[in-house]
Protein backbone atom coordinates (compact mmCIF):
# COMPACT_ATOMS: atom_id res chain seq x y z
CA UNK A 1 -0.02 -0.16 0.02
CA UNK A 2 1.26 3.57 -0.78
CA UNK A 3 1.55 5.36 1.82
CA UNK A 4 0.12 9.20 0.90
CA UNK A 5 2.52 12.20 -0.04
CA UNK A 6 1.66 14.91 2.45
CA UNK A 7 1.79 18.37 1.33
CA UNK A 8 2.09 21.65 3.17
CA UNK A 9 0.83 25.24 1.81
CA UNK A 10 -0.12 28.33 2.62
CA UNK A 11 -3.24 28.47 0.36
CA UNK A 12 -5.21 25.93 -0.76
CA UNK A 13 -7.19 26.78 -4.47
CA UNK A 14 -9.58 24.42 -5.40
CA UNK A 15 -10.42 23.99 -8.71
CA UNK A 16 -8.59 25.27 -12.06
CA UNK A 17 -10.83 27.48 -14.15
CA UNK A 18 -10.38 30.15 -15.20
CA UNK A 19 -11.35 32.20 -11.51
CA UNK A 20 -9.45 30.04 -9.68
CA UNK A 21 -5.85 30.30 -12.09
CA UNK A 22 -6.44 34.23 -11.86
CA UNK A 23 -6.80 34.43 -7.96
CA UNK A 24 -2.80 31.87 -8.19
CA UNK A 25 -1.85 33.94 -10.39
CA UNK A 26 -2.58 37.89 -8.22
CA UNK A 27 -1.28 36.59 -5.56
CA UNK A 28 2.04 34.76 -6.84
CA UNK A 29 2.27 37.93 -8.97
CA UNK A 30 1.81 39.85 -6.37
CA UNK A 31 4.14 38.10 -3.63
CA UNK A 32 6.16 36.14 -4.86
CA UNK A 33 8.18 33.42 -2.82
CA UNK A 34 6.26 34.64 0.12
CA UNK A 35 2.90 33.00 -0.55
CA UNK A 36 2.43 29.28 -1.38
CA UNK A 37 -0.79 28.23 -3.15
CA UNK A 38 -1.12 23.88 -3.65
CA UNK A 39 -4.38 23.52 -7.32
CA UNK A 40 -6.81 20.89 -6.78
CA UNK A 41 -8.84 19.90 -9.10
CA UNK A 42 -10.31 16.27 -9.86
CA UNK A 43 -9.89 16.64 -13.63
CA UNK A 44 -6.86 18.35 -15.18
CA UNK A 45 -8.97 19.48 -18.22
CA UNK A 46 -7.78 19.14 -22.03
CA UNK A 47 -8.14 23.06 -23.06
CA UNK A 48 -8.44 22.46 -26.64
CA UNK A 49 -12.35 23.12 -27.21
CA UNK A 50 -14.40 26.10 -27.97
CA UNK A 51 -16.83 28.13 -25.49
CA UNK A 52 -17.48 32.09 -26.39
CA UNK A 53 -16.42 33.44 -23.09
CA UNK A 54 -17.62 37.14 -22.29
CA UNK A 55 -15.18 39.59 -20.88
CA UNK A 56 -16.28 43.01 -19.44
CA UNK A 57 -14.27 46.17 -19.18
CA UNK A 58 -13.66 44.99 -14.96
CA UNK A 59 -12.25 42.01 -16.39
CA UNK A 60 -9.84 43.81 -18.80
CA UNK A 61 -8.64 46.46 -16.63
CA UNK A 62 -7.17 42.85 -14.11
CA UNK A 63 -5.71 41.78 -16.62
CA UNK A 64 -3.48 45.23 -16.77
CA UNK A 65 -3.10 45.26 -13.71
CA UNK A 66 -1.54 42.04 -13.91
CA UNK A 67 0.47 42.92 -17.24
CA UNK A 68 -1.29 39.72 -18.87
CA UNK A 69 -3.50 41.93 -21.24
CA UNK A 70 -1.22 42.17 -24.34
CA UNK A 71 -1.55 38.89 -24.41
CA UNK A 72 -5.26 38.12 -24.10
CA UNK A 73 -6.31 40.90 -26.28
CA UNK A 74 -4.64 39.50 -29.77
CA UNK A 75 -7.38 36.44 -28.88
CA UNK A 76 -10.41 38.88 -28.25
CA UNK A 77 -13.46 39.59 -30.37
CA UNK A 78 -14.57 43.33 -28.77
CA UNK A 79 -17.68 44.25 -29.08
CA UNK A 80 -18.21 47.92 -29.86
CA UNK A 81 -21.93 48.16 -30.21
CA UNK A 82 -24.32 46.45 -28.52
CA UNK A 83 -28.73 46.07 -30.07
CA UNK A 84 -30.81 44.46 -28.25
CA UNK A 85 -34.44 44.06 -29.86
CA UNK A 86 -38.09 42.50 -28.52
CA UNK A 87 -40.69 41.08 -30.78
CA UNK A 88 -43.67 40.57 -29.95
CA UNK A 89 -46.73 37.75 -30.39
CA UNK A 90 -47.18 40.69 -32.61
CA UNK A 91 -44.47 40.00 -35.13
CA UNK A 92 -44.90 42.61 -37.48
CA UNK A 93 -43.75 45.28 -34.45
CA UNK A 94 -40.32 45.26 -32.18
CA UNK A 95 -39.09 47.60 -29.95
CA UNK A 96 -34.93 48.60 -30.56
CA UNK A 97 -32.46 49.67 -28.21
CA UNK A 98 -28.70 50.26 -29.11
CA UNK A 99 -25.87 51.07 -26.86
CA UNK A 100 -22.36 52.51 -27.97
CA UNK A 101 -20.65 49.56 -25.71
CA UNK A 102 -17.99 51.95 -24.97
CA UNK A 103 -16.81 53.72 -21.26
CA UNK A 104 -14.25 56.35 -21.88
CA UNK A 105 -13.19 56.04 -24.78
CA UNK A 106 -12.42 52.18 -23.66
CA UNK A 107 -14.40 48.63 -25.03
CA UNK A 108 -16.68 48.25 -22.11
CA UNK A 109 -16.78 43.79 -23.37
CA UNK A 110 -14.73 41.73 -25.74
CA UNK A 111 -15.65 37.53 -26.82
CA UNK A 112 -13.19 35.99 -26.74
CA UNK A 113 -12.38 31.62 -27.15
CA UNK A 114 -12.73 30.35 -23.62
CA UNK A 115 -10.07 27.98 -24.22
CA UNK A 116 -7.56 30.61 -25.26
CA UNK A 117 -7.89 33.02 -21.82
CA UNK A 118 -7.49 29.22 -20.00
CA UNK A 119 -3.88 28.54 -22.10
CA UNK A 120 -2.30 31.81 -21.36
CA UNK A 121 -2.97 32.27 -17.74
CA UNK A 122 -1.79 27.79 -17.93
CA UNK A 123 1.44 29.16 -19.09
CA UNK A 124 1.68 31.86 -17.18
CA UNK A 125 1.06 30.25 -13.50
CA UNK A 126 3.79 27.77 -14.93
CA UNK A 127 6.15 30.22 -14.67
CA UNK A 128 5.38 30.66 -10.63
CA UNK A 129 7.32 27.81 -8.85
CA UNK A 130 4.96 28.52 -5.73
CA UNK A 131 1.82 27.51 -7.25
CA UNK A 132 1.86 23.79 -7.63
CA UNK A 133 -1.64 22.09 -9.20
CA UNK A 134 -2.58 18.67 -8.00
CA UNK A 135 -4.77 16.25 -9.90
CA UNK A 136 -6.88 14.61 -7.30
CA UNK A 137 -10.19 14.25 -6.01
CA UNK A 138 -10.59 15.03 -2.33
CA UNK A 139 -13.00 12.66 -0.32
CA UNK A 140 -12.45 14.36 2.97
CA UNK A 141 -11.91 18.12 4.41
CA UNK A 142 -11.21 19.35 8.46
CA UNK A 143 -10.90 22.67 9.90
CA UNK A 144 -9.68 23.25 12.74
CA UNK A 145 -7.79 26.45 14.67
CA UNK A 146 -5.13 26.12 13.02
CA UNK A 147 -5.10 25.08 10.14
CA UNK A 148 -7.64 23.30 6.69
CA UNK A 149 -7.12 19.83 6.06
CA UNK A 150 -7.92 18.49 2.83
CA UNK A 151 -7.10 14.32 2.06
CA UNK A 152 -7.29 12.47 -1.13
CA UNK A 153 -6.57 9.23 -1.75
CA UNK A 154 -2.67 9.95 -3.16
CA UNK A 155 -2.44 13.52 -0.76
CA UNK A 156 -3.05 15.11 2.90
CA UNK A 157 -3.01 18.89 2.20
CA UNK A 158 -2.48 21.46 5.19
CA UNK A 159 -2.49 25.03 4.99
CA UNK A 160 -4.66 28.95 6.31
CA UNK A 161 -6.86 28.37 3.90
CA UNK A 162 -9.15 27.58 1.17
CA UNK A 163 -10.63 29.18 -1.13
CA UNK A 164 -13.38 26.86 -3.07
CA UNK A 165 -13.62 28.22 -6.86
CA UNK A 166 -14.61 24.49 -7.74
CA UNK A 167 -17.40 25.32 -9.76
CA UNK A 168 -21.64 25.41 -9.38
CA UNK A 169 -21.40 21.68 -8.17
CA UNK A 170 -18.52 22.69 -5.67
CA UNK A 171 -17.31 19.34 -3.02
CA UNK A 172 -16.13 22.36 -0.46
CA UNK A 173 -19.47 23.82 -0.28
CA UNK A 174 -21.51 19.97 -0.10
CA UNK A 175 -18.92 18.94 2.51
CA UNK A 176 -19.55 21.71 4.47
CA UNK A 177 -22.93 21.83 4.14
CA UNK A 178 -23.24 25.50 3.05
CA UNK A 179 -26.44 25.86 1.45
CA UNK A 180 -27.74 27.97 -1.58
CA UNK A 181 -30.55 30.07 -1.95
CA UNK A 182 -31.12 28.26 -5.48
CA UNK A 183 -34.06 27.60 -8.29
CA UNK A 184 -34.30 25.61 -11.14
CA UNK A 185 -35.98 28.03 -14.49
CA UNK A 186 -37.57 25.33 -15.81
CA UNK A 187 -35.22 26.81 -18.82
CA UNK A 188 -32.58 25.06 -20.99
CA UNK A 189 -30.11 26.91 -23.15
CA UNK A 190 -28.83 26.30 -26.56
CA UNK A 191 -25.17 27.10 -27.54
CA UNK A 192 -23.57 26.75 -30.81
CA UNK A 193 -21.17 28.48 -33.53
CA UNK A 194 -22.53 29.44 -36.44
CA UNK A 195 -20.81 30.51 -40.19
CA UNK A 196 -22.88 33.45 -41.90
CA UNK A 197 -23.00 35.67 -45.05
CA UNK A 198 -23.21 39.52 -43.48
CA UNK A 199 -20.58 40.41 -41.48
CA UNK A 200 -21.59 41.27 -38.02
CA UNK A 201 -19.40 44.48 -37.32
CA UNK A 202 -18.10 43.65 -34.14
CA UNK A 203 -22.17 44.02 -32.94
CA UNK A 204 -23.54 42.23 -30.13
CA UNK A 205 -27.12 41.64 -30.19
CA UNK A 206 -29.74 40.16 -27.61
CA UNK A 207 -33.13 40.00 -29.04
CA UNK A 208 -36.54 38.41 -26.29
CA UNK A 209 -38.50 35.87 -28.45
CA UNK A 210 -41.16 34.77 -27.15
CA UNK A 211 -39.02 31.03 -27.56
CA UNK A 212 -36.68 32.83 -24.43
CA UNK A 213 -33.73 35.54 -25.23
CA UNK A 214 -31.56 34.44 -28.19
CA UNK A 215 -27.74 36.51 -27.31
CA UNK A 216 -25.29 36.19 -31.25
CA UNK A 217 -22.04 37.27 -30.24
CA UNK A 218 -18.80 38.29 -32.29
CA UNK A 219 -16.74 35.80 -32.90
CA UNK A 220 -15.13 36.54 -35.77
CA UNK A 221 -16.35 38.80 -39.00
CA UNK A 222 -18.19 35.95 -40.16
CA UNK A 223 -18.37 34.28 -37.02
CA UNK A 224 -20.69 34.19 -34.31
CA UNK A 225 -21.44 32.77 -30.77
CA UNK A 226 -25.30 31.98 -30.37
CA UNK A 227 -26.84 31.28 -26.94
CA UNK A 228 -30.43 30.43 -27.49
CA UNK A 229 -32.92 30.10 -24.14
CA UNK A 230 -36.16 28.29 -23.67
CA UNK A 231 -38.09 26.08 -21.74
CA UNK A 232 -37.17 22.24 -21.07
CA UNK A 233 -39.46 20.94 -24.03
CA UNK A 234 -39.37 23.56 -26.40
CA UNK A 235 -35.36 22.93 -26.33
CA UNK A 236 -35.68 19.19 -26.04
CA UNK A 237 -37.39 19.32 -28.85
CA UNK A 238 -34.70 21.58 -30.64
CA UNK A 239 -32.26 18.54 -29.69
CA UNK A 240 -33.90 16.28 -31.36
CA UNK A 241 -33.45 17.26 -34.55
CA UNK A 242 -30.91 17.01 -36.78
CA UNK A 243 -27.78 19.96 -37.70
CA UNK A 244 -29.78 20.75 -40.79
CA UNK A 245 -33.03 21.24 -39.51
CA UNK A 246 -31.31 23.25 -36.36
CA UNK A 247 -29.75 25.54 -38.38
CA UNK A 248 -33.06 26.42 -39.95
CA UNK A 249 -34.58 26.81 -36.88
CA UNK A 250 -31.56 29.03 -35.28
CA UNK A 251 -31.85 30.92 -39.69
CA UNK A 252 -35.43 31.82 -38.87
CA UNK A 253 -34.58 33.26 -34.97
CA UNK A 254 -31.78 35.29 -36.03
CA UNK A 255 -34.22 37.06 -39.08
CA UNK A 256 -31.79 39.09 -40.92
CA UNK A 257 -29.34 40.38 -38.69
CA UNK A 258 -26.24 38.22 -39.88
CA UNK A 259 -27.74 36.79 -43.01
CA UNK A 260 -27.77 33.84 -44.51
CA UNK A 261 -26.44 30.64 -41.72
CA UNK A 262 -24.25 28.31 -43.47
CA UNK A 263 -22.84 26.17 -41.11
CA UNK A 264 -23.30 25.23 -36.91
CA UNK A 265 -21.07 23.98 -35.14
CA UNK A 266 -19.79 22.89 -31.58
CA UNK A 267 -23.44 22.59 -30.41
CA UNK A 268 -24.60 22.22 -26.51
CA UNK A 269 -27.47 22.13 -24.36
CA UNK A 270 -27.17 22.86 -20.64
CA UNK A 271 -29.91 23.52 -17.75
CA UNK A 272 -30.26 27.24 -16.47
CA UNK A 273 -30.69 28.10 -12.62
CA UNK A 274 -30.31 30.45 -10.34
CA UNK A 275 -28.06 30.37 -6.78
CA UNK A 276 -26.75 32.26 -4.27
CA UNK A 277 -24.58 30.76 -1.85
CA UNK A 278 -26.09 32.12 1.16
CA UNK A 279 -23.02 33.00 2.74
CA UNK A 280 -19.20 33.63 1.19
CA UNK A 281 -17.07 32.57 4.04
CA UNK A 282 -17.12 30.13 6.53
CA UNK A 283 -14.03 28.85 9.40
CA UNK A 284 -10.59 29.01 6.80
CA UNK A 285 -12.70 29.10 3.85
CA UNK A 286 -13.71 31.51 1.70
CA UNK A 287 -16.02 30.70 -1.85
CA UNK A 288 -15.51 31.97 -5.13
CA UNK A 289 -17.06 32.08 -8.94
CA UNK A 290 -20.02 29.42 -9.83
CA UNK A 291 -19.37 27.65 -6.55
CA UNK A 292 -20.09 30.96 -5.21
CA UNK A 293 -23.23 32.36 -7.59
CA UNK A 294 -25.21 31.18 -11.11
CA UNK A 295 -26.74 34.18 -12.59
CA UNK A 296 -29.02 34.18 -16.02
CA UNK A 297 -26.42 33.60 -19.08
CA UNK A 298 -28.29 36.10 -20.91
CA UNK A 299 -25.85 38.99 -20.27
CA UNK A 300 -23.15 37.02 -19.52
CA UNK A 301 -21.78 37.78 -16.66
CA UNK A 302 -21.18 35.20 -14.98
CA UNK A 303 -17.50 34.72 -15.45
CA UNK A 304 -16.77 38.56 -15.02
CA UNK A 305 -18.48 38.70 -11.48
CA UNK A 306 -16.49 35.74 -10.50
CA UNK A 307 -13.40 37.56 -10.96
CA UNK A 308 -15.16 40.18 -8.71
CA UNK A 309 -14.50 37.99 -5.97
CA UNK A 310 -10.67 37.24 -7.61
CA UNK A 311 -9.47 40.85 -6.88
CA UNK A 312 -11.44 41.83 -3.49
CA UNK A 313 -10.44 38.65 -1.85
CA UNK A 314 -7.05 38.35 -3.24
CA UNK A 315 -6.45 42.14 -2.91
CA UNK A 316 -7.55 41.72 1.61
CA UNK A 317 -5.29 38.74 1.88
CA UNK A 318 -2.60 40.48 0.42
CA UNK A 319 -2.71 43.65 2.14
CA UNK A 320 -3.26 40.99 4.82
CA UNK A 321 -0.15 39.61 4.40
CA UNK A 322 1.95 43.13 3.73
CA UNK A 323 1.02 43.92 7.27
CA UNK A 324 1.67 41.35 9.14
CA UNK A 325 -1.75 39.73 9.38
CA UNK A 326 -3.17 36.14 9.39
CA UNK A 327 -4.88 36.65 6.33
CA UNK A 328 -7.02 33.31 6.82
CA UNK A 329 -8.76 35.63 9.86
CA UNK A 330 -12.49 35.63 10.11
CA UNK A 331 -13.00 39.30 10.70
CA UNK A 332 -10.26 39.45 6.58
CA UNK A 333 -12.65 37.15 5.53
CA UNK A 334 -15.85 38.63 6.79
CA UNK A 335 -14.49 42.53 5.35
CA UNK A 336 -14.04 40.01 1.56
CA UNK A 337 -17.76 38.66 1.91
CA UNK A 338 -19.78 42.75 2.77
CA UNK A 339 -17.85 44.03 0.12
CA UNK A 340 -18.92 41.42 -2.16
CA UNK A 341 -21.95 40.55 -1.66
CA UNK A 342 -23.88 43.74 -2.27
CA UNK A 343 -22.39 43.15 -6.26
CA UNK A 344 -23.38 39.29 -6.79
CA UNK A 345 -26.80 40.07 -5.48
CA UNK A 346 -27.95 43.74 -7.41
CA UNK A 347 -26.11 41.34 -10.31
CA UNK A 348 -27.86 37.94 -10.17
CA UNK A 349 -31.35 39.98 -9.00
CA UNK A 350 -30.90 42.12 -11.94
CA UNK A 351 -30.71 39.32 -14.72
CA UNK A 352 -32.66 37.02 -13.23
CA UNK A 353 -35.69 39.92 -13.21
CA UNK A 354 -34.89 40.69 -16.52
CA UNK A 355 -35.29 37.43 -17.78
CA UNK A 356 -38.77 36.74 -15.91
CA UNK A 357 -40.01 39.59 -18.01
CA UNK A 358 -39.15 38.73 -21.16
CA UNK A 359 -39.66 35.17 -20.91
CA UNK A 360 -43.23 35.73 -19.95
CA UNK A 361 -45.85 34.92 -22.29
CA UNK A 362 -48.62 36.52 -20.74
CA UNK A 363 -50.33 39.23 -23.01
CA UNK A 364 -51.15 41.75 -20.61
CA UNK A 365 -47.65 42.39 -20.15
CA UNK A 366 -46.63 42.70 -23.69
CA UNK A 367 -46.96 46.69 -23.45
CA UNK A 368 -44.33 46.61 -20.72
CA UNK A 369 -41.65 44.85 -22.66
CA UNK A 370 -42.04 47.30 -25.08
CA UNK A 371 -42.12 49.85 -23.16
CA UNK A 372 -38.84 49.18 -21.36
CA UNK A 373 -37.18 49.38 -24.58
CA UNK A 374 -38.10 52.49 -25.70
CA UNK A 375 -37.49 54.09 -21.99
CA UNK A 376 -34.05 53.39 -21.72
CA UNK A 377 -33.47 54.07 -25.75
CA UNK A 378 -35.07 57.78 -25.12
CA UNK A 379 -32.47 58.32 -22.32
CA UNK A 380 -28.81 58.64 -23.24
CA UNK A 381 -27.80 59.03 -19.17
CA UNK A 382 -29.74 55.39 -18.32
CA UNK A 383 -28.42 53.87 -21.75
CA UNK A 384 -24.58 55.08 -19.80
CA UNK A 385 -25.60 53.54 -16.94
CA UNK A 386 -26.78 50.23 -18.30
CA UNK A 387 -23.24 49.74 -19.76
CA UNK A 388 -21.36 50.97 -16.62
CA UNK A 389 -23.39 48.27 -15.03
CA UNK A 390 -22.69 45.62 -17.59
CA UNK A 391 -18.57 46.89 -17.61
CA UNK A 392 -18.48 46.27 -13.53
CA UNK A 393 -16.42 48.76 -12.84
CA UNK A 394 -19.32 50.99 -11.50
CA UNK A 395 -18.84 52.14 -7.52
CA UNK A 396 -16.16 49.77 -6.91
CA UNK A 397 -13.02 49.97 -4.43
CA UNK A 398 -10.81 47.61 -6.07
CA UNK A 399 -7.79 49.17 -7.15
CA UNK A 400 -7.68 45.64 -9.68
CA UNK A 401 -10.88 46.76 -10.69
CA UNK A 402 -9.73 49.90 -11.90
CA UNK A 403 -6.42 48.99 -13.79
CA UNK A 404 -4.03 49.88 -10.37
CA UNK A 405 -1.53 46.90 -9.84
CA UNK A 406 -0.82 45.90 -6.06
CA UNK A 407 2.24 45.40 -4.51
């Protein structure tokens, strides 16, 4: 019988997704050999896949503060304009809202292939000997006054703090018995990549249909990423279609915005739910990203909200170390929770409300849907405020989110 290896570090980071990668990178770039990180995931996934990811200005600023934006920007497709439309039951009528997607001449959001971003982050992480990656499945967790302990079949890990970025099915959350406020939307989303005849001109389109919202995001001049949300029954019927029939259905819903669709690929279906963890922290544990919250994808903000978690938590930890304090102290973690919860709740509930309004087919509220779009379209300051909210830079106290390096 093989003896398990003991691994001691300052912080255990659970998960190897984008939020966890960013967290490890922020600490290592800033603190160097003053911090040692064990990063654990049960499966180190392949980085060769296609999945469109929307990154907002808050995320761009974090990348600039880390001096890695110049590596990432060449892989990005800027979103220069956003068009929001609503076509109700009367197909001849539609409401249109257009946003100039800039803040102080800065583009407010970009689209990137998630695997490209992960590769860049992985390459950066590999340059730091202070980050050690372990592919192992944990089977127990124990917290005491001195340390946080995690065990797998191969290793016994010990640290001062566990940062759980291990996704919506977080094993850390499950073992600790921490509950979330959650509900099922009874919706499924279709995600795919489409090739089309019209140039998209770096315009993102959000079209609210009776079947559910459909987002078309630029992924090259003649390619777009499409995410279409609808009831589970409706989407299950789409899932039964062959590729040609599915292309025809998507073509009908995209109207003439992007011209004739010649190819549909990277097709996936996933169920949608809402979830906010009841508390972001526990003794020697902090939650980030999807382990803490899951929002409706209509605005593509899930990753950006998670990276704002990373910014605030890492800054609190770095400040504590700078002043010789215990970064796993309850007060330090409570400060992170205090700063982050309002933004998480506000963002999640806003997307939830928009989805509920525009996915509702009650005839009596159709005028309200049109009124909301027409009202916003007539007030430039309100339109600007929506862009700022989407950018994630409004009312922030974080240096990283402002693009300021921390030291």
